[in-house]
Amino acid sequence: MRSPSWSRPRPPPLLLLLLSPWPVWAQVSATASPSGSAGAPDCPEVCTCVPGGLASCSALSLSAVPAGLSLRLRALLLDHNRVHALPPGAFAGAGGLQRLDLRENGLHSVHVRAFWGLGALQLLDLSANQLEALAPGTFAPLRALRNLSLAGNRLVSLEPAALGALPLLRSLSLQDNELTALAPGLLGRLPALDALHLRGNPWACGCALRPLCAWLRRHPLPASEAETLLCVWPGRQTLSPLTAFSDAAFSHCAQPLALRDLAVVYALGPASFLVSLAACLVLGSGLTSCRARRRRRCRTAALRPLRPPDLNPDPDPHGSASPADPGNPAAAAAEA
């Protein structure tokens, strides 16, 4: 049966799709033409696809990432499903994927190898889930990532090893979590970062905020967001804006070691340990040998035979014979 004479507007080209925000993508997928329906060769069976590499799998009550992902896929919408865990190689076959939306899935577990093979991914949205922690190296394969959203989760801490070195990351969304501070070195591994969203976290005023406050001084936030970025003093009920802390406010805090100092520590630490270990071995060997010698001497003395006592009286020290001595001439004359 031939379709009616009127036709729906054609979806925008691939370039406009890749540059548009998520809500626009959802609108495009909702108005997709029947030519990109499910079951196409490059489209997962349960999803709806449009020309240009966009697959919409939103709000389908999916419990896992659909199979049949293609290398031609450029954008995958999996928001508003029930994908609670991402196993290793969850997106195998989708090496050309550039945008991935996993919002509102109740996601609470991401395997460290879940994103392997997604070296072209530029935007990853994991917001509005239940993530409490991320394993070290989770985002390490995403060297092309430019936008990462972890907003609306339950993150208590975010270690540098979890993010890894993301040289192209420009935007990081951490709002509405349970963060009290950012680990030292986290922001230093993101050289291209210029947008950081932090509101809605229970920041604790203290020395741990020093790296974050230093970053905020170099990258001023919009006034509307800076006013809502507050920290609470432990043991008090007073709030202070993070942007109000100067470097002098942390003068009482211990200075972190510079990279050169860390290099010296890492270089000399093992060497000094080996030297001290060698000295301990030498001293221990010396003490052991001394004890062994002492024991051998004691054994030799114990096994040596005792000298029998001398039954003859000691001779006259002046060389004169005793009167009773038979060899004495005076005694022989008297007997005669």
Protein backbone atom coordinates (compact mmCIF):
# COMPACT_ATOMS: atom_id res chain seq x y z
CA MET A 1 0.00 0.00 0.00
CA ARG A 2 1.41 3.34 -1.04
CA SER A 3 1.80 6.02 1.58
CA PRO A 4 -0.39 9.12 1.52
CA SER A 5 0.53 12.04 -0.68
CA TRP A 6 1.63 14.20 2.20
CA SER A 7 5.00 13.46 3.76
CA ARG A 8 6.55 14.24 7.09
CA PRO A 9 9.52 16.56 7.21
CA ARG A 10 12.77 14.80 6.55
CA PRO A 11 15.10 14.41 9.55
CA PRO A 12 18.05 16.76 9.70
CA PRO A 13 21.37 15.59 8.28
CA LEU A 14 23.98 13.81 10.38
CA LEU A 15 25.94 16.96 11.14
CA LEU A 16 22.91 18.68 12.67
CA LEU A 17 22.09 15.55 14.66
CA LEU A 18 25.55 15.35 16.16
CA LEU A 19 25.58 19.04 17.10
CA SER A 20 22.08 19.16 18.57
CA PRO A 21 21.36 18.68 22.32
CA TRP A 22 19.63 15.61 23.71
CA PRO A 23 16.06 17.01 23.76
CA VAL A 24 16.28 17.82 20.05
CA TRP A 25 17.44 14.30 19.39
CA ALA A 26 14.40 12.96 21.16
CA GLN A 27 12.13 15.14 19.03
CA VAL A 28 13.86 13.99 15.87
CA SER A 29 13.51 10.34 16.85
CA ALA A 30 9.85 10.86 17.64
CA THR A 31 9.19 12.35 14.18
CA ALA A 32 11.40 9.88 12.32
CA SER A 33 10.16 8.78 8.95
CA PRO A 34 9.05 5.17 8.45
CA SER A 35 12.05 4.61 6.16
CA GLY A 36 14.24 4.21 9.25
CA SER A 37 12.01 1.82 11.16
CA ALA A 38 13.15 -1.00 13.40
CA GLY A 39 14.63 -4.02 11.77
CA ALA A 40 16.89 -2.13 9.39
CA PRO A 41 20.28 -3.81 8.79
CA ASP A 42 22.18 -1.24 10.92
CA CYS A 43 19.48 -0.79 13.56
CA PRO A 44 18.86 -2.84 16.73
CA GLU A 45 15.65 -4.78 16.35
CA VAL A 46 13.76 -3.13 19.21
CA CYS A 47 14.81 0.44 18.37
CA THR A 48 13.73 3.05 15.87
CA CYS A 49 16.44 4.43 13.62
CA VAL A 50 16.73 7.33 11.22
CA PRO A 51 19.22 7.89 8.42
CA GLY A 52 22.46 9.31 9.70
CA GLY A 53 23.14 6.74 12.41
CA LEU A 54 20.68 7.69 15.18
CA ALA A 55 19.01 4.83 17.07
CA SER A 56 16.24 5.71 19.50
CA CYS A 57 15.63 3.04 22.14
CA SER A 58 14.11 5.39 24.72
CA ALA A 59 11.41 4.37 27.20
CA LEU A 60 11.09 0.75 26.06
CA SER A 61 11.54 -0.84 29.51
CA LEU A 62 14.76 -2.45 28.33
CA SER A 63 16.77 -4.29 30.98
CA ALA A 64 19.94 -4.56 28.90
CA VAL A 65 21.69 -2.86 26.04
CA PRO A 66 20.09 -4.17 22.83
CA ALA A 67 22.08 -6.51 20.64
CA GLY A 68 22.96 -5.88 17.05
CA LEU A 69 24.78 -2.56 17.44
CA SER A 70 26.43 -1.50 14.21
CA LEU A 71 29.69 0.23 13.44
CA ARG A 72 27.68 2.81 11.48
CA LEU A 73 25.78 3.84 14.59
CA ARG A 74 26.62 7.40 15.65
CA ALA A 75 24.07 8.12 18.40
CA LEU A 76 22.28 5.75 20.75
CA LEU A 77 19.40 6.88 22.97
CA LEU A 78 18.80 4.44 25.84
CA ASP A 79 17.28 6.86 28.34
CA HIS A 80 14.28 6.04 30.54
CA ASN A 81 14.79 2.28 30.54
CA ARG A 82 15.70 -0.29 33.21
CA VAL A 83 19.34 -0.98 32.43
CA HIS A 84 20.59 -1.42 36.00
CA ALA A 85 24.08 -2.71 35.13
CA LEU A 86 26.54 -2.43 32.27
CA PRO A 87 28.58 -5.63 31.77
CA PRO A 88 31.97 -5.89 30.02
CA GLY A 89 31.75 -5.04 26.33
CA ALA A 90 28.17 -3.78 26.66
CA PHE A 91 28.50 -1.79 23.43
CA ALA A 92 30.51 -4.25 21.36
CA GLY A 93 30.29 -3.55 17.65
CA ALA A 94 29.47 0.15 18.06
CA GLY A 95 33.00 1.46 17.60
CA GLY A 96 31.78 4.51 15.66
CA LEU A 97 29.40 5.67 18.41
CA GLN A 98 29.78 9.37 19.23
CA ARG A 99 26.86 10.05 21.60
CA LEU A 100 25.35 7.80 24.25
CA ASP A 101 22.38 8.66 26.46
CA LEU A 102 21.78 6.45 29.52
CA ARG A 103 19.75 8.81 31.65
CA GLU A 104 17.18 7.54 34.17
CA ASN A 105 17.84 3.83 34.02
CA GLY A 106 18.31 3.10 37.72
CA LEU A 107 21.90 2.28 36.77
CA HIS A 108 23.95 1.30 39.82
CA SER A 109 26.81 -0.78 38.40
CA VAL A 110 29.25 -0.05 35.57
CA HIS A 111 31.93 -2.63 34.85
CA VAL A 112 35.41 -1.28 34.33
CA ARG A 113 35.35 -2.65 30.75
CA ALA A 114 31.81 -1.57 29.90
CA PHE A 115 32.93 1.21 27.54
CA TRP A 116 35.76 -0.66 25.84
CA GLY A 117 35.79 -0.10 22.09
CA LEU A 118 34.14 3.34 22.24
CA GLY A 119 37.21 5.35 21.31
CA ALA A 120 35.15 7.77 19.20
CA LEU A 121 32.59 8.61 21.90
CA GLN A 122 32.28 12.36 22.49
CA LEU A 123 29.23 12.73 24.74
CA LEU A 124 28.18 10.40 27.56
CA ASP A 125 25.13 11.09 29.72
CA LEU A 126 24.84 8.96 32.89
CA SER A 127 22.71 11.42 34.83
CA ALA A 128 19.72 10.62 37.06
CA ASN A 129 20.91 7.13 38.00
CA GLN A 130 22.01 5.43 41.23
CA LEU A 131 25.78 5.28 40.86
CA GLU A 132 27.62 5.37 44.20
CA ALA A 133 31.16 4.64 43.02
CA LEU A 134 33.13 4.17 39.82
CA ALA A 135 35.94 1.67 39.40
CA PRO A 136 39.40 2.93 38.43
CA GLY A 137 39.77 3.04 34.66
CA THR A 138 36.06 3.14 33.88
CA PHE A 139 36.40 6.02 31.40
CA ALA A 140 40.00 5.34 30.35
CA PRO A 141 39.07 4.10 26.83
CA LEU A 142 37.10 7.30 26.08
CA ARG A 143 40.02 9.39 24.88
CA ALA A 144 37.78 11.48 22.58
CA LEU A 145 35.20 12.29 25.25
CA ARG A 146 34.23 15.98 25.42
CA ASN A 147 31.10 16.01 27.57
CA LEU A 148 30.43 13.79 30.60
CA SER A 149 27.39 14.05 32.85
CA LEU A 150 27.26 12.24 36.20
CA ALA A 151 24.61 14.55 37.65
CA GLY A 152 21.86 13.26 39.88
CA ASN A 153 23.63 10.15 41.17
CA ARG A 154 24.81 9.10 44.65
CA LEU A 155 28.54 9.61 44.25
CA VAL A 156 30.29 10.16 47.58
CA SER A 157 33.76 10.49 46.06
CA LEU A 158 35.30 10.66 42.62
CA GLU A 159 38.90 9.49 42.36
CA PRO A 160 41.27 10.59 39.59
CA ALA A 161 41.79 6.96 38.59
CA ALA A 162 38.09 6.61 37.81
CA LEU A 163 38.11 9.38 35.23
CA GLY A 164 41.63 8.76 34.05
CA ALA A 165 43.34 11.18 31.71
CA LEU A 166 40.71 12.70 29.40
CA PRO A 167 42.64 15.27 27.37
CA LEU A 168 39.64 16.54 25.37
CA LEU A 169 36.99 16.71 28.12
CA ARG A 170 35.51 20.21 28.19
CA SER A 171 32.36 19.79 30.29
CA LEU A 172 31.87 17.75 33.48
CA SER A 173 28.54 17.70 35.33
CA LEU A 174 28.68 16.58 38.98
CA GLN A 175 25.70 18.41 40.43
CA ASP A 176 23.21 16.78 42.81
CA ASN A 177 25.49 14.06 44.21
CA GLU A 178 26.90 13.44 47.70
CA LEU A 179 30.34 14.94 47.15
CA THR A 180 32.04 16.78 50.01
CA ALA A 181 35.32 17.43 48.14
CA LEU A 182 37.19 16.49 44.98
CA ALA A 183 40.24 14.30 45.26
CA PRO A 184 43.58 16.06 44.71
CA GLY A 185 44.79 15.63 41.15
CA LEU A 186 41.34 15.05 39.65
CA LEU A 187 41.06 18.38 37.85
CA GLY A 188 44.75 18.46 36.98
CA ARG A 189 44.27 15.51 34.64
CA LEU A 190 41.61 17.36 32.63
CA PRO A 191 43.58 20.09 30.83
CA ALA A 192 40.77 21.10 28.44
CA LEU A 193 38.06 21.36 31.11
CA ASP A 194 36.33 24.76 31.12
CA ALA A 195 32.81 23.92 32.35
CA LEU A 196 32.27 22.29 35.74
CA HIS A 197 28.79 21.95 37.25
CA LEU A 198 28.88 21.42 41.02
CA ARG A 199 25.72 22.69 42.69
CA GLY A 200 23.61 20.49 44.92
CA ASN A 201 26.48 18.74 46.73
CA PRO A 202 27.17 18.88 50.51
CA TRP A 203 30.63 20.47 50.16
CA ALA A 204 32.55 20.55 53.45
CA CYS A 205 34.56 23.70 54.14
CA GLY A 206 38.14 22.70 54.84
CA CYS A 207 41.57 22.01 53.41
CA ALA A 208 40.22 19.33 51.08
CA LEU A 209 38.55 22.05 49.01
CA ARG A 210 41.81 23.77 48.18
CA PRO A 211 42.30 22.23 44.68
CA LEU A 212 38.68 22.92 43.74
CA CYS A 213 38.78 26.53 44.94
CA ALA A 214 42.02 27.09 43.04
CA TRP A 215 40.37 25.79 39.87
CA LEU A 216 37.33 28.01 40.40
CA ARG A 217 39.55 31.09 40.69
CA ARG A 218 41.05 30.30 37.30
CA HIS A 219 37.67 29.44 35.75
CA PRO A 220 35.03 31.83 37.14
CA LEU A 221 31.50 30.48 37.19
CA PRO A 222 28.41 32.40 36.10
CA ALA A 223 27.02 34.50 38.93
CA SER A 224 23.80 32.48 39.08
CA GLU A 225 25.71 29.25 39.73
CA ALA A 226 28.42 30.75 41.94
CA GLU A 227 25.79 32.00 44.40
CA THR A 228 24.42 28.48 44.91
CA LEU A 229 27.82 26.84 45.33
CA LEU A 230 28.14 26.69 49.13
CA CYS A 231 30.04 24.63 51.67
CA VAL A 232 29.21 23.96 55.30
CA TRP A 233 31.71 24.19 58.15
CA PRO A 234 32.02 20.89 60.07
CA GLY A 235 30.39 21.19 63.48
CA ARG A 236 28.66 24.43 62.55
CA GLN A 237 25.54 25.47 60.76
CA THR A 238 27.09 28.29 58.75
CA LEU A 239 27.50 28.28 54.99
CA SER A 240 30.21 29.92 52.91
CA PRO A 241 30.45 30.35 49.15
CA LEU A 242 33.31 28.41 47.59
CA THR A 243 34.22 31.33 45.40
CA ALA A 244 34.97 33.46 48.48
CA PHE A 245 38.00 31.40 49.54
CA SER A 246 41.34 32.85 48.51
CA ASP A 247 44.58 30.92 48.56
CA ALA A 248 45.52 32.68 51.80
CA ALA A 249 42.52 31.03 53.47
CA PHE A 250 44.34 27.70 53.13
CA SER A 251 47.68 28.93 54.49
CA HIS A 252 47.30 26.73 57.57
CA CYS A 253 46.87 23.62 55.43
CA ALA A 254 49.71 21.32 54.56
CA GLN A 255 51.16 22.05 51.16
CA PRO A 256 50.81 19.21 48.69
CA LEU A 257 54.02 17.86 47.25
CA ALA A 258 55.03 19.18 43.85
CA LEU A 259 55.63 16.79 40.99
CA ARG A 260 59.38 17.21 41.34
CA ASP A 261 59.19 16.36 45.04
CA LEU A 262 57.05 13.33 44.31
CA ALA A 263 59.57 12.19 41.71
CA VAL A 264 62.39 12.50 44.25
CA VAL A 265 60.38 10.57 46.83
CA TYR A 266 59.53 7.81 44.38
CA ALA A 267 63.15 7.63 43.18
CA LEU A 268 64.86 7.70 46.58
CA GLY A 269 62.26 5.75 48.48
CA PRO A 270 62.96 2.32 46.93
CA ALA A 271 66.73 2.99 46.93
CA SER A 272 66.82 3.90 50.61
CA PHE A 273 64.68 0.88 51.40
CA LEU A 274 67.10 -1.43 49.59
CA VAL A 275 70.11 0.15 51.32
CA SER A 276 68.53 -0.23 54.74
CA LEU A 277 67.57 -3.80 53.93
CA ALA A 278 71.14 -4.61 52.89
CA ALA A 279 72.51 -3.03 56.08
CA CYS A 280 70.11 -5.09 58.17
CA LEU A 281 71.21 -8.25 56.38
CA VAL A 282 74.90 -7.47 56.96
CA LEU A 283 74.37 -6.73 60.64
CA GLY A 284 72.25 -9.81 61.06
CA SER A 285 74.85 -12.00 59.37
CA GLY A 286 77.61 -10.55 61.60
CA LEU A 287 75.66 -11.21 64.78
CA THR A 288 74.84 -14.72 63.65
CA SER A 289 78.48 -15.54 62.87
CA CYS A 290 79.63 -14.16 66.25
CA ARG A 291 77.12 -16.29 68.08
CA ALA A 292 78.19 -19.34 66.08
CA ARG A 293 81.85 -18.79 66.96
CA ARG A 294 81.02 -18.41 70.63
CA ARG A 295 79.06 -21.64 70.61
CA ARG A 296 81.91 -23.52 68.92
CA ARG A 297 84.35 -22.27 71.56
CA CYS A 298 82.07 -23.41 74.36
CA ARG A 299 81.72 -26.84 72.78
CA THR A 300 85.49 -27.20 72.34
CA ALA A 301 86.11 -26.31 75.98
CA ALA A 302 83.49 -28.79 77.11
CA LEU A 303 85.00 -31.66 75.09
CA ARG A 304 88.67 -31.02 76.08
CA PRO A 305 89.90 -33.73 78.64
CA LEU A 306 90.75 -32.61 82.17
CA ARG A 307 94.50 -32.56 83.19
CA PRO A 308 95.25 -35.16 85.94
CA PRO A 309 96.53 -33.75 89.23
CA ASP A 310 100.38 -33.89 89.97
CA LEU A 311 101.04 -36.45 92.77
CA ASN A 312 104.70 -35.50 93.27
CA PRO A 313 105.45 -32.57 95.51
CA ASP A 314 106.88 -29.56 93.90
CA PRO A 315 110.71 -29.57 93.88
CA ASP A 316 112.64 -27.17 96.04
CA PRO A 317 112.56 -23.89 94.32
CA HIS A 318 116.25 -23.38 95.30
CA GLY A 319 117.32 -26.68 93.72
CA SER A 320 118.32 -28.34 97.02
CA ALA A 321 117.22 -31.89 97.65
CA SER A 322 115.08 -32.84 100.55
CA PRO A 323 116.88 -34.53 103.52
CA ALA A 324 114.74 -37.60 103.04
CA ASP A 325 115.55 -37.75 99.38
CA PRO A 326 117.53 -40.92 98.63
CA GLY A 327 119.56 -39.03 96.13
CA ASN A 328 120.88 -36.71 98.81
CA PRO A 329 124.57 -37.45 99.70
CA ALA A 330 124.12 -36.30 103.30
CA ALA A 331 121.29 -38.72 103.80
CA ALA A 332 123.33 -41.61 102.34
CA ALA A 333 126.26 -40.85 104.70
CA ALA A 334 123.97 -40.79 107.71
CA GLU A 335 122.51 -44.14 106.79
CA ALA A 336 126.04 -45.60 106.51
